[in-house]
């Protein structure tokens, strides 16, 4: 009964509002705890790596995440299958620095909560810079994770077809720029995921209110009681579209993905749970592949809209993804992935994969082994 109520469109929409999110935090909530799903994890293809005999396998420290669909257990599955020595690494403990010395590689990201992002960015910076450790995600990709401002800067520099976005950290500049926006316009906070902190601003008065609050002494309230939008605004053009967004997931030459329908009476698709798995448009896949040539992440998630003008627009990028199934792409009802070839062609290959395993393998092939003078990946 409760699940049925939660899945009602009006309830889903309510749960994404700032008022509901803040109110909910005043009631008892369970503490975040790592979930171990290894006893009931869905079966998938074995992901193996051809490791050069002359190179010792690194000792890996696995950071457990707090997501409901954990990544860390898939990392362990890959490491077990391929004979890597590893142990669970408590990056939050007072002894994190001393304990880091026993590992060659640190793998994992606890969550996208602001306090976890801040902690891991600091510690991965320290471990990469002063201890010579390799981290996955790397410091640069940890900086990109849930950082919509950085995504927009990269897109502006690279020519990625990103939905036109304006970011300002100066009050007077922000007041000037909102006069030239086309309304409605989308306002977003950093960090933010699952459509939290994403608002459709109908007019100039609405954007003026956001600017005034964001540049006030207290900052603007967000969906999290402990976080305020302070001294910045982020406005992205609203793209009239087909009523869904497309999530394209790139791992090396492999491409996965699916469609997410917009909730009735809303404009957002992320976090609504209305997924459709079917063949992906070629142009969207090539845009995501091109974006990752610049970002160079073991895994890159590109969320796009197909505008009514016939063009594809990237609205967000991410070097990590939360998945609940080893079937992230279906073509004609068959799970698998697309594989892009050297001549530019692509084909569909059947199979079920936990993409976290593929991403970790890609990290070793593209980042770890080349650093040790071995081959670069062709996968």
Protein backbone atom coordinates (compact mmCIF):
# COMPACT_ATOMS: atom_id res chain seq x y z
CA UNK A 1 0.00 0.00 0.00
CA UNK A 2 2.77 2.43 1.00
CA UNK A 3 4.72 1.63 -2.18
CA UNK A 4 1.61 2.32 -4.28
CA UNK A 5 1.17 5.71 -2.62
CA UNK A 6 4.84 6.62 -3.12
CA UNK A 7 4.56 5.81 -6.85
CA UNK A 8 1.60 8.13 -7.38
CA UNK A 9 2.66 11.04 -9.68
CA UNK A 10 1.42 13.70 -7.27
CA UNK A 11 3.37 12.11 -4.40
CA UNK A 12 6.54 11.76 -6.48
CA UNK A 13 6.30 15.41 -7.40
CA UNK A 14 5.72 16.41 -3.77
CA UNK A 15 8.73 14.39 -2.57
CA UNK A 16 11.01 16.41 -4.89
CA UNK A 17 9.98 19.77 -3.44
CA UNK A 18 12.28 21.76 -1.19
CA UNK A 19 9.59 22.09 1.49
CA UNK A 20 8.97 18.33 1.73
CA UNK A 21 12.67 17.48 1.76
CA UNK A 22 13.38 19.93 4.57
CA UNK A 23 10.35 18.84 6.60
CA UNK A 24 11.29 15.17 6.25
CA UNK A 25 14.68 15.83 7.83
CA UNK A 26 13.04 16.95 11.07
CA UNK A 27 11.65 13.44 11.60
CA UNK A 28 13.60 10.34 12.65
CA UNK A 29 15.65 8.92 9.79
CA UNK A 30 17.86 5.86 9.78
CA UNK A 31 21.59 6.50 9.83
CA UNK A 32 23.36 5.80 6.56
CA UNK A 33 24.82 2.30 6.57
CA UNK A 34 26.66 0.39 3.84
CA UNK A 35 24.51 -2.29 2.23
CA UNK A 36 26.05 -5.65 1.38
CA UNK A 37 24.01 -7.21 -1.43
CA UNK A 38 26.48 -9.95 -2.31
CA UNK A 39 24.06 -12.58 -1.04
CA UNK A 40 21.29 -11.57 -3.43
CA UNK A 41 23.07 -9.69 -6.22
CA UNK A 42 21.64 -10.48 -9.66
CA UNK A 43 23.86 -12.70 -11.78
CA UNK A 44 25.80 -11.18 -14.65
CA UNK A 45 28.58 -11.92 -17.13
CA UNK A 46 32.04 -12.43 -15.69
CA UNK A 47 34.23 -9.37 -16.24
CA UNK A 48 37.88 -10.39 -16.54
CA UNK A 49 41.09 -8.56 -17.33
CA UNK A 50 44.20 -9.76 -19.20
CA UNK A 51 46.91 -8.74 -16.77
CA UNK A 52 50.55 -8.64 -17.92
CA UNK A 53 52.57 -11.35 -16.21
CA UNK A 54 55.49 -9.01 -15.50
CA UNK A 55 53.33 -6.57 -13.50
CA UNK A 56 52.31 -7.31 -9.92
CA UNK A 57 48.67 -6.71 -9.18
CA UNK A 58 48.16 -3.72 -6.88
CA UNK A 59 46.70 -4.03 -3.43
CA UNK A 60 43.33 -2.29 -3.49
CA UNK A 61 41.51 -0.47 -0.71
CA UNK A 62 37.75 -0.54 -1.29
CA UNK A 63 35.71 2.34 0.12
CA UNK A 64 32.17 1.23 0.90
CA UNK A 65 29.38 3.48 -0.33
CA UNK A 66 26.02 4.13 1.29
CA UNK A 67 23.87 3.91 -1.83
CA UNK A 68 20.81 1.63 -1.76
CA UNK A 69 22.26 -0.14 -4.80
CA UNK A 70 25.91 -0.38 -3.70
CA UNK A 71 28.86 -0.02 -6.04
CA UNK A 72 31.45 -1.41 -3.64
CA UNK A 73 30.10 -4.96 -3.76
CA UNK A 74 30.50 -5.01 -7.55
CA UNK A 75 34.08 -3.78 -7.17
CA UNK A 76 34.71 -6.67 -4.77
CA UNK A 77 33.14 -9.10 -7.24
CA UNK A 78 35.56 -7.96 -9.95
CA UNK A 79 38.59 -8.02 -7.64
CA UNK A 80 37.73 -11.50 -6.34
CA UNK A 81 37.24 -12.91 -9.82
CA UNK A 82 40.53 -11.51 -11.09
CA UNK A 83 42.69 -12.33 -8.09
CA UNK A 84 43.48 -8.82 -6.85
CA UNK A 85 44.54 -8.52 -3.20
CA UNK A 86 42.19 -6.10 -1.47
CA UNK A 87 40.61 -5.09 1.79
CA UNK A 88 37.86 -2.77 2.95
CA UNK A 89 39.31 0.68 3.63
CA UNK A 90 37.64 2.98 6.16
CA UNK A 91 38.40 6.36 4.65
CA UNK A 92 36.38 8.13 7.37
CA UNK A 93 38.38 6.90 10.36
CA UNK A 94 40.90 9.01 12.25
CA UNK A 95 43.55 6.50 11.11
CA UNK A 96 42.71 6.93 7.39
CA UNK A 97 46.15 8.33 6.55
CA UNK A 98 48.12 5.62 8.30
CA UNK A 99 45.91 2.88 6.87
CA UNK A 100 46.16 4.24 3.33
CA UNK A 101 49.85 3.35 3.22
CA UNK A 102 49.10 -0.36 2.89
CA UNK A 103 47.27 0.12 -0.45
CA UNK A 104 48.43 0.95 -3.96
CA UNK A 105 44.98 1.90 -5.24
CA UNK A 106 41.92 3.34 -3.48
CA UNK A 107 38.53 2.62 -5.05
CA UNK A 108 35.12 4.04 -4.19
CA UNK A 109 32.96 7.06 -3.38
CA UNK A 110 30.73 6.95 -0.26
CA UNK A 111 27.84 9.01 -1.64
CA UNK A 112 26.94 12.28 -3.33
CA UNK A 113 26.14 13.95 -0.01
CA UNK A 114 27.99 17.29 0.20
CA UNK A 115 29.94 16.27 3.31
CA UNK A 116 31.16 13.07 1.64
CA UNK A 117 32.15 14.95 -1.51
CA UNK A 118 34.15 17.48 0.50
CA UNK A 119 35.86 14.78 2.54
CA UNK A 120 36.81 12.57 -0.42
CA UNK A 121 38.05 15.46 -2.54
CA UNK A 122 40.41 16.50 0.25
CA UNK A 123 41.64 12.98 0.97
CA UNK A 124 42.00 11.88 -2.65
CA UNK A 125 43.96 15.08 -3.31
CA UNK A 126 46.26 14.22 -0.41
CA UNK A 127 46.66 10.57 -1.37
CA UNK A 128 47.35 11.29 -5.03
CA UNK A 129 49.64 14.28 -4.42
CA UNK A 130 51.58 13.32 -1.31
CA UNK A 131 51.29 9.52 -1.06
CA UNK A 132 51.49 8.70 -4.76
CA UNK A 133 48.35 6.57 -4.62
CA UNK A 134 46.01 6.06 -7.55
CA UNK A 135 42.35 6.65 -6.80
CA UNK A 136 39.19 5.67 -8.62
CA UNK A 137 37.48 7.96 -9.20
CA UNK A 138 40.53 10.18 -9.58
CA UNK A 139 40.68 13.57 -7.93
CA UNK A 140 39.70 15.31 -11.18
CA UNK A 141 36.69 13.05 -11.65
CA UNK A 142 35.77 13.38 -7.98
CA UNK A 143 35.74 17.14 -8.54
CA UNK A 144 33.40 16.65 -11.50
CA UNK A 145 31.00 14.34 -9.66
CA UNK A 146 27.78 16.23 -8.86
CA UNK A 147 29.44 19.53 -9.78
CA UNK A 148 27.08 21.05 -12.34
CA UNK A 149 29.11 24.24 -12.55
CA UNK A 150 32.24 22.37 -13.58
CA UNK A 151 30.23 20.37 -16.14
CA UNK A 152 29.04 23.62 -17.71
CA UNK A 153 32.56 25.09 -17.82
CA UNK A 154 33.93 21.97 -19.52
CA UNK A 155 31.11 21.99 -22.06
CA UNK A 156 31.61 25.68 -22.79
CA UNK A 157 35.30 25.09 -23.51
CA UNK A 158 34.93 21.87 -25.51
CA UNK A 159 31.97 22.43 -27.78
CA UNK A 160 29.87 19.64 -26.25
CA UNK A 161 26.22 20.39 -27.20
CA UNK A 162 25.32 21.33 -23.65
CA UNK A 163 22.05 23.11 -22.90
CA UNK A 164 22.98 26.83 -22.69
CA UNK A 165 23.91 27.52 -19.07
CA UNK A 166 24.86 30.64 -17.14
CA UNK A 167 26.66 30.60 -13.81
CA UNK A 168 27.47 33.68 -11.77
CA UNK A 169 29.16 34.19 -8.41
CA UNK A 170 28.58 37.96 -8.35
CA UNK A 171 25.29 39.54 -7.28
CA UNK A 172 25.24 42.51 -9.67
CA UNK A 173 26.34 40.33 -12.56
CA UNK A 174 23.59 37.82 -11.75
CA UNK A 175 20.96 40.57 -11.66
CA UNK A 176 22.09 41.71 -15.10
CA UNK A 177 22.16 38.26 -16.67
CA UNK A 178 18.64 37.25 -15.57
CA UNK A 179 17.22 40.17 -17.56
CA UNK A 180 18.44 38.48 -20.74
CA UNK A 181 17.22 34.94 -20.00
CA UNK A 182 14.38 33.33 -21.94
CA UNK A 183 11.70 32.13 -19.53
CA UNK A 184 10.88 29.66 -18.20
CA UNK A 185 14.43 28.78 -17.18
CA UNK A 186 15.81 25.93 -15.05
CA UNK A 187 17.58 26.71 -11.76
CA UNK A 188 19.88 24.12 -10.17
CA UNK A 189 21.97 23.81 -7.02
CA UNK A 190 25.41 22.29 -6.53
CA UNK A 191 25.61 19.52 -5.53
CA UNK A 192 22.28 17.91 -6.28
CA UNK A 193 20.98 14.66 -7.72
CA UNK A 194 17.72 12.91 -8.52
CA UNK A 195 16.04 16.23 -9.50
CA UNK A 196 16.46 17.62 -5.98
CA UNK A 197 17.21 21.33 -6.16
CA UNK A 198 16.04 21.56 -9.78
CA UNK A 199 13.32 24.17 -10.30
CA UNK A 200 11.50 25.63 -13.28
CA UNK A 201 11.54 29.41 -12.86
CA UNK A 202 8.57 30.93 -14.73
CA UNK A 203 9.60 34.56 -15.01
CA UNK A 204 12.03 37.36 -14.16
CA UNK A 205 10.46 37.88 -10.74
CA UNK A 206 11.20 34.26 -9.86
CA UNK A 207 14.85 34.51 -10.87
CA UNK A 208 15.22 37.81 -9.02
CA UNK A 209 13.99 36.10 -5.85
CA UNK A 210 16.58 33.33 -6.29
CA UNK A 211 19.38 35.85 -6.80
CA UNK A 212 18.31 37.92 -3.80
CA UNK A 213 18.18 34.89 -1.51
CA UNK A 214 21.37 33.27 -2.83
CA UNK A 215 23.39 36.45 -2.28
CA UNK A 216 21.88 37.25 1.10
CA UNK A 217 23.89 36.89 4.29
CA UNK A 218 22.23 33.55 5.13
CA UNK A 219 22.08 32.18 1.59
CA UNK A 220 19.10 30.42 0.03
CA UNK A 221 17.50 27.39 1.65
CA UNK A 222 17.88 24.13 -0.28
CA UNK A 223 16.39 20.66 -0.01
CA UNK A 224 18.97 19.88 2.70
CA UNK A 225 18.64 21.60 6.06
CA UNK A 226 22.40 21.83 6.51
CA UNK A 227 23.16 23.22 3.02
CA UNK A 228 22.48 26.67 1.59
CA UNK A 229 22.87 28.03 -1.91
CA UNK A 230 25.34 30.80 -1.18
CA UNK A 231 26.84 33.39 -3.53
CA UNK A 232 26.14 31.63 -6.82
CA UNK A 233 23.29 31.04 -9.24
CA UNK A 234 22.98 28.43 -11.97
CA UNK A 235 20.45 28.93 -14.76
CA UNK A 236 20.06 26.50 -17.65
CA UNK A 237 17.84 27.04 -20.69
CA UNK A 238 14.62 25.08 -20.59
CA UNK A 239 14.63 22.88 -23.70
CA UNK A 240 11.16 21.98 -25.05
CA UNK A 241 11.54 18.27 -25.68
CA UNK A 242 9.93 14.92 -26.46
CA UNK A 243 8.86 14.30 -22.86
CA UNK A 244 11.80 12.14 -21.78
CA UNK A 245 15.53 12.34 -21.29
CA UNK A 246 18.12 9.87 -22.48
CA UNK A 247 20.83 8.52 -20.19
CA UNK A 248 23.87 7.34 -22.15
CA UNK A 249 26.58 5.45 -20.25
CA UNK A 250 30.02 5.17 -21.85
CA UNK A 251 32.66 2.68 -20.67
CA UNK A 252 35.57 2.48 -23.08
CA UNK A 253 34.07 1.39 -26.40
CA UNK A 254 30.90 0.12 -24.77
CA UNK A 255 27.69 2.11 -24.56
CA UNK A 256 24.67 1.42 -22.35
CA UNK A 257 21.63 3.52 -21.62
CA UNK A 258 17.90 4.02 -21.41
CA UNK A 259 15.12 6.58 -21.55
CA UNK A 260 13.51 8.30 -18.57
CA UNK A 261 10.01 9.67 -18.98
CA UNK A 262 9.04 13.01 -17.51
CA UNK A 263 6.52 12.80 -14.69
CA UNK A 264 3.06 13.93 -15.75
CA UNK A 265 2.61 17.60 -14.91
CA UNK A 266 6.34 18.09 -14.32
CA UNK A 267 9.42 18.77 -16.44
CA UNK A 268 11.92 16.53 -14.63
CA UNK A 269 12.80 12.91 -15.37
CA UNK A 270 15.73 12.18 -13.05
CA UNK A 271 14.81 10.26 -9.92
CA UNK A 272 11.20 9.61 -10.98
CA UNK A 273 11.68 5.90 -11.73
CA UNK A 274 9.91 6.01 -15.11
CA UNK A 275 12.46 4.16 -17.22
CA UNK A 276 12.11 2.70 -20.72
CA UNK A 277 14.80 0.39 -22.06
CA UNK A 278 15.06 0.35 -25.84
CA UNK A 279 17.51 1.11 -28.64
CA UNK A 280 19.48 4.32 -28.26
CA UNK A 281 19.79 6.97 -30.98
CA UNK A 282 23.18 6.88 -32.71
CA UNK A 283 23.72 10.64 -32.47
CA UNK A 284 23.23 10.63 -28.70
CA UNK A 285 25.76 7.82 -28.29
CA UNK A 286 28.35 9.59 -30.42
CA UNK A 287 27.91 12.81 -28.43
CA UNK A 288 28.59 10.92 -25.18
CA UNK A 289 31.62 9.16 -26.65
CA UNK A 290 32.99 12.47 -27.88
CA UNK A 291 32.49 14.04 -24.46
CA UNK A 292 34.48 11.27 -22.82
CA UNK A 293 37.39 11.78 -25.20
CA UNK A 294 37.85 15.05 -23.34
CA UNK A 295 36.89 13.97 -19.80
CA UNK A 296 38.68 10.59 -19.99
CA UNK A 297 36.68 8.90 -17.24
CA UNK A 298 36.52 5.09 -16.89
CA UNK A 299 32.75 5.61 -16.98
CA UNK A 300 30.87 8.69 -18.15
CA UNK A 301 27.14 9.22 -17.81
CA UNK A 302 25.58 11.81 -20.13
CA UNK A 303 21.97 12.86 -19.59
CA UNK A 304 20.44 14.41 -22.69
CA UNK A 305 17.24 15.87 -24.02
CA UNK A 306 15.97 15.55 -27.58
CA UNK A 307 14.66 19.02 -28.33
CA UNK A 308 11.64 19.72 -30.48
CA UNK A 309 14.14 21.36 -32.86
CA UNK A 310 15.55 17.88 -33.55
CA UNK A 311 18.84 18.48 -31.71
CA UNK A 312 20.29 16.63 -28.72
CA UNK A 313 21.31 18.66 -25.69
CA UNK A 314 23.44 17.39 -22.81
CA UNK A 315 22.02 18.62 -19.51
CA UNK A 316 24.35 16.85 -17.06
CA UNK A 317 27.52 14.72 -17.01
CA UNK A 318 28.77 12.37 -14.31
CA UNK A 319 31.77 10.05 -13.78
CA UNK A 320 29.67 7.73 -11.59
CA UNK A 321 26.24 6.15 -11.83
CA UNK A 322 23.85 4.41 -9.48
CA UNK A 323 22.38 1.28 -11.06
CA UNK A 324 20.07 -1.38 -9.68
CA UNK A 325 20.36 -3.98 -12.43
CA UNK A 326 22.94 -5.63 -14.72
CA UNK A 327 20.63 -4.74 -17.62
CA UNK A 328 21.30 -1.09 -18.41
CA UNK A 329 20.39 -1.43 -22.09
CA UNK A 330 17.73 -3.42 -23.91
CA UNK A 331 17.41 -3.69 -27.68
CA UNK A 332 14.28 -5.49 -28.83
CA UNK A 333 13.86 -6.78 -25.29
CA UNK A 334 17.37 -8.27 -25.17
CA UNK A 335 19.89 -7.01 -22.57
CA UNK A 336 23.33 -6.04 -23.82
CA UNK A 337 25.47 -3.13 -24.93
CA UNK A 338 26.63 -1.39 -28.05
CA UNK A 339 30.30 -1.73 -29.03
CA UNK A 340 31.95 0.92 -31.19
CA UNK A 341 34.69 -0.21 -33.58
CA UNK A 342 37.83 1.43 -34.98
CA UNK A 343 36.16 2.20 -38.31
CA UNK A 344 33.39 4.15 -36.56
CA UNK A 345 30.75 1.47 -36.95
CA UNK A 346 29.00 -0.11 -33.99
CA UNK A 347 27.20 -3.32 -33.19
CA UNK A 348 25.00 -4.72 -30.45
CA UNK A 349 26.32 -7.48 -28.18
CA UNK A 350 24.02 -9.46 -25.94
CA UNK A 351 24.87 -9.86 -22.27
CA UNK A 352 24.18 -8.75 -18.71
CA UNK A 353 26.88 -6.69 -17.00
CA UNK A 354 27.32 -4.85 -13.76
CA UNK A 355 28.71 -1.66 -15.22
CA UNK A 356 30.71 -0.94 -12.04
CA UNK A 357 32.85 -3.99 -12.84
CA UNK A 358 33.42 -2.81 -16.40
CA UNK A 359 34.30 0.67 -15.15
CA UNK A 360 36.84 -0.65 -12.65
CA UNK A 361 38.43 -2.78 -15.37
CA UNK A 362 38.58 0.32 -17.58
CA UNK A 363 40.35 2.21 -14.80
CA UNK A 364 43.06 -0.44 -14.64
CA UNK A 365 43.41 -0.58 -18.43
CA UNK A 366 43.34 3.15 -19.15
CA UNK A 367 44.88 4.63 -16.01
CA UNK A 368 46.78 2.16 -13.85
CA UNK A 369 48.68 0.07 -16.40
CA UNK A 370 49.72 2.98 -18.66
CA UNK A 371 51.19 4.70 -15.59
CA UNK A 372 53.40 1.64 -15.24
CA UNK A 373 54.53 1.62 -18.85
CA UNK A 374 52.09 -1.05 -20.01
CA UNK A 375 49.63 -0.97 -22.89
CA UNK A 376 46.65 1.32 -23.22
CA UNK A 377 43.18 -0.15 -23.49
CA UNK A 378 41.54 -1.19 -26.73
CA UNK A 379 38.32 -2.18 -24.96
